[in-house]
Amino acid sequence: MAEFGTDVELRDIAVRDTNVSAAVDEPFRAMILDMLAEREMTVAEVHDELADRGFERTENTVRHHINELRDAGLVEVARLEERRGGTTKFYRATTIVLSYALRLALGRLTRCH
């Protein structure tokens, strides 16, 4: 049998927790989660990248979605940085989304059982 090696644990890929699935059931949040899996970002950076992808939302809306992901344990504050007399939070994903299509299929299966 071939050995499978990765630094991603199974719990980071598939979850059965309804709070977690509810957090990523929103495609906009799944996109944010995917972005934060690539690199640490501030709310402003997430906002700007989403705008570049054609998703016009206010920065407060983006912050709300990031907070929902954080409350579900899918995103965490990676570091704090002092900027212009304030503290800026950089977020990172603690979980990855395999694909939006797979996530939706898994969500339908989870709801059926």
Protein backbone atom coordinates (compact mmCIF):
# COMPACT_ATOMS: atom_id res chain seq x y z
CA MET A 1 0.00 0.00 0.00
CA ALA A 2 1.35 3.43 -0.92
CA GLU A 3 2.10 5.82 1.87
CA PHE A 4 0.16 9.06 1.83
CA GLY A 5 2.05 11.97 3.32
CA THR A 6 0.71 15.46 3.94
CA ASP A 7 0.79 18.16 6.57
CA VAL A 8 -3.02 18.54 6.37
CA GLU A 9 -4.94 16.49 8.90
CA LEU A 10 -8.21 14.83 7.94
CA ARG A 11 -10.16 17.02 10.36
CA ASP A 12 -8.92 20.01 8.34
CA ILE A 13 -10.56 18.71 5.17
CA ALA A 14 -13.92 17.22 6.06
CA VAL A 15 -16.13 18.12 9.00
CA ARG A 16 -19.51 16.96 10.19
CA ASP A 17 -20.14 19.82 12.61
CA THR A 18 -23.29 21.68 11.55
CA ASN A 19 -21.91 25.01 12.82
CA VAL A 20 -18.91 24.62 10.57
CA SER A 21 -20.94 23.53 7.56
CA ALA A 22 -23.31 26.46 8.12
CA ALA A 23 -20.34 28.84 8.14
CA VAL A 24 -19.09 27.66 4.73
CA ASP A 25 -22.52 26.98 3.26
CA GLU A 26 -22.43 30.59 2.11
CA PRO A 27 -20.35 30.59 -1.12
CA PHE A 28 -18.98 34.05 -0.31
CA ARG A 29 -17.52 32.72 2.96
CA ALA A 30 -16.11 29.66 1.22
CA MET A 31 -14.32 32.00 -1.19
CA ILE A 32 -12.90 34.02 1.71
CA LEU A 33 -11.78 30.81 3.41
CA ASP A 34 -10.07 29.71 0.21
CA MET A 35 -8.27 33.06 -0.04
CA LEU A 36 -7.10 32.90 3.56
CA ALA A 37 -5.76 29.38 3.00
CA GLU A 38 -3.39 30.86 0.41
CA ARG A 39 -1.93 33.60 2.62
CA GLU A 40 -2.50 35.75 5.69
CA MET A 41 -4.63 38.78 4.88
CA THR A 42 -6.25 41.77 6.56
CA VAL A 43 -9.94 42.53 6.16
CA ALA A 44 -8.99 45.36 3.79
CA GLU A 45 -6.87 43.00 1.65
CA VAL A 46 -9.68 40.43 1.50
CA HIS A 47 -12.09 43.24 0.56
CA ASP A 48 -9.81 44.46 -2.24
CA GLU A 49 -9.20 40.98 -3.65
CA LEU A 50 -12.93 40.24 -3.64
CA ALA A 51 -13.53 43.53 -5.48
CA ASP A 52 -10.91 42.47 -8.06
CA ARG A 53 -12.93 39.26 -8.53
CA GLY A 54 -16.11 41.28 -9.10
CA PHE A 55 -17.68 40.98 -5.64
CA GLU A 56 -18.59 44.42 -4.39
CA ARG A 57 -19.27 44.30 -0.66
CA THR A 58 -18.56 46.82 2.05
CA GLU A 59 -15.53 46.27 4.24
CA ASN A 60 -17.90 45.82 7.20
CA THR A 61 -19.68 42.99 5.36
CA VAL A 62 -16.36 41.28 4.68
CA ARG A 63 -15.41 41.71 8.35
CA HIS A 64 -18.75 40.14 9.38
CA HIS A 65 -18.12 37.07 7.18
CA ILE A 66 -14.56 36.70 8.49
CA ASN A 67 -15.90 36.89 12.05
CA GLU A 68 -18.47 34.18 11.27
CA LEU A 69 -15.67 31.96 9.95
CA ARG A 70 -13.58 32.77 13.03
CA ASP A 71 -16.45 31.94 15.38
CA ALA A 72 -16.81 28.56 13.64
CA GLY A 73 -13.09 27.90 14.20
CA LEU A 74 -12.21 28.01 10.50
CA VAL A 75 -10.20 31.24 10.62
CA GLU A 76 -7.89 32.65 13.26
CA VAL A 77 -5.90 35.80 13.86
CA ALA A 78 -2.43 34.95 12.60
CA ARG A 79 -0.70 38.08 13.85
CA LEU A 80 -1.20 41.66 14.92
CA GLU A 81 0.69 44.56 13.41
CA GLU A 82 0.89 48.15 14.62
CA ARG A 83 -0.03 50.54 11.80
CA ARG A 84 -0.74 54.26 11.84
CA GLY A 85 -1.49 54.32 15.54
CA GLY A 86 -3.77 51.26 15.39
CA THR A 87 -3.53 47.51 15.42
CA THR A 88 -4.21 45.58 12.21
CA LYS A 89 -5.26 41.93 12.38
CA PHE A 90 -4.00 39.43 9.83
CA TYR A 91 -6.22 36.37 9.40
CA ARG A 92 -5.43 32.88 8.13
CA ALA A 93 -7.54 29.81 7.47
CA THR A 94 -7.24 26.87 9.82
CA THR A 95 -9.14 24.64 7.39
CA ILE A 96 -9.13 24.19 3.63
CA VAL A 97 -12.04 23.82 1.23
CA LEU A 98 -11.34 21.07 -1.30
CA SER A 99 -13.66 22.52 -3.92
CA TYR A 100 -16.92 24.36 -3.96
CA ALA A 101 -18.62 21.56 -5.91
CA LEU A 102 -17.44 18.89 -3.48
CA ARG A 103 -18.39 21.05 -0.50
CA LEU A 104 -21.91 21.45 -1.86
CA ALA A 105 -22.21 17.71 -2.53
CA LEU A 106 -21.00 16.89 0.97
CA GLY A 107 -23.42 19.44 2.41
CA ARG A 108 -26.37 17.73 0.66
CA LEU A 109 -25.24 14.33 1.95
CA THR A 110 -24.83 15.64 5.49
CA ARG A 111 -28.31 17.17 5.49
CA CYS A 112 -29.87 13.92 4.22
CA HIS A 113 -28.55 11.84 7.13
